[in-house]
Each structure stands twice: as C-alpha cells, then as structure tokens.
Amino acid sequence: MLVPLLQADAYVGAPSLPPESGITEGTHLAAIEFEKNKPSVAYVKFCNAHELLYEIIGYILAHYLNIRQPNRAAVVLVPKAKLQAIGARLPEWADDTGDVIPAWCTQEIGGRSLRFMYKMETLLEAQYRAIASSCADWYSCVAAFDEWLANSDRNGGNIIRLSSKSFAIIDHGRILAGR
C-alpha cells in the first residue's frame, strides 16, 4: 500500500527537536517502523483531518506523476502517553482522539530545504539566478502540479535540495485551496 495506516507500535522513538529552523509547530523527528523491526527516521506532522487527507492525496498524485518526494509515507497513530512522558505539547484538538493522535509521517529524505540553505531576501541576483537555473526543468513540473491542485503553500521550506541538480518536494497539506 502506498500510504499505509501504521498502528501505535510503529511509533518507536521519542520525538527529537527538528534539525533545522522553519519546521512548523507540530512537526518532529521520530523513529517509525514502516516495516516491522526496521525503524527509519521520519518527520511526523500533527495536522487536522482535512490536512491529513490533503497530504495523502498530494503524496499519491505526486508519486504517480514521478515527482520526487520522500520514498515512504504513512498515517501513524502516535501514542499520547509517549509524548506526555517526555513533556511534549499536544495539539489542542488531540483531546478528542482517544489514546492516540493520527499523524502524517514521511521518511527523512536527506538534503536541506531551500529556506534553510538560503536567506532568500539576502541573495544576490546572480545567486538567485543560479539556484533558479539549477531547478528550472524540475520546478516547471512542480509548479504545474501545485497549480493543478491549488497548493497555497509551496515555498522554500517545502523544496528539498538533494544535490546540485536534484530536488524533492514535501508538504501537500494545503492543496485544494486548504488553508
């Protein structure tokens, strides 16, 4: 299954702090077992039901359009007790979810977001042109994808530079004009 539902035992690691600034509140790194007894580092994102659905739809569509993104994604049921044991702050809406919080998770892909690598407001024109040139062919496909799905949140934090000419996207939570 392209986007499985992982039970609470798949959430094996306590959250850690995000490795870069710009990560939104409600997102953390954790060890997730996409396969039994094979933990992977993954980003876990708490989001409301609409955003969760949009993440799933966007991930599946990008996959079938061959747009580079994390290799694995899932909905994982995060045990509240594991979060409370380390003093993590739970989303306000989590009170209605029982003993677990459903969350979107994607396997860590490597690379760094453009937002983290560059302060866009301080780039010299030549630097900006070099970045734009290195991803021009790839980004035209992503721009069409985002336009098609009415993604209101594609930004430098959602574009991951994997190498000098290789990029990936993350975060589909605001497609279909989701806010």
Foldseek 3Di string as FASTA:
>chain_A
DQAEEAEQVQQPFQWDDDPFPPDDPQKTWGFGCPDPPDTFIKIKGADDPLLVVQQVVLVVVCVVVVAADFRGKYWYWHFVVSCVVVPHDDDPVCVPVPRTGTIIMGGDDDAAFQVRVDVVVPDDPVRVVQLCVLAVVSVVVVVVSCVVFVAPDDDSRQWGDRDSNDIHGHGRSCTNNRD
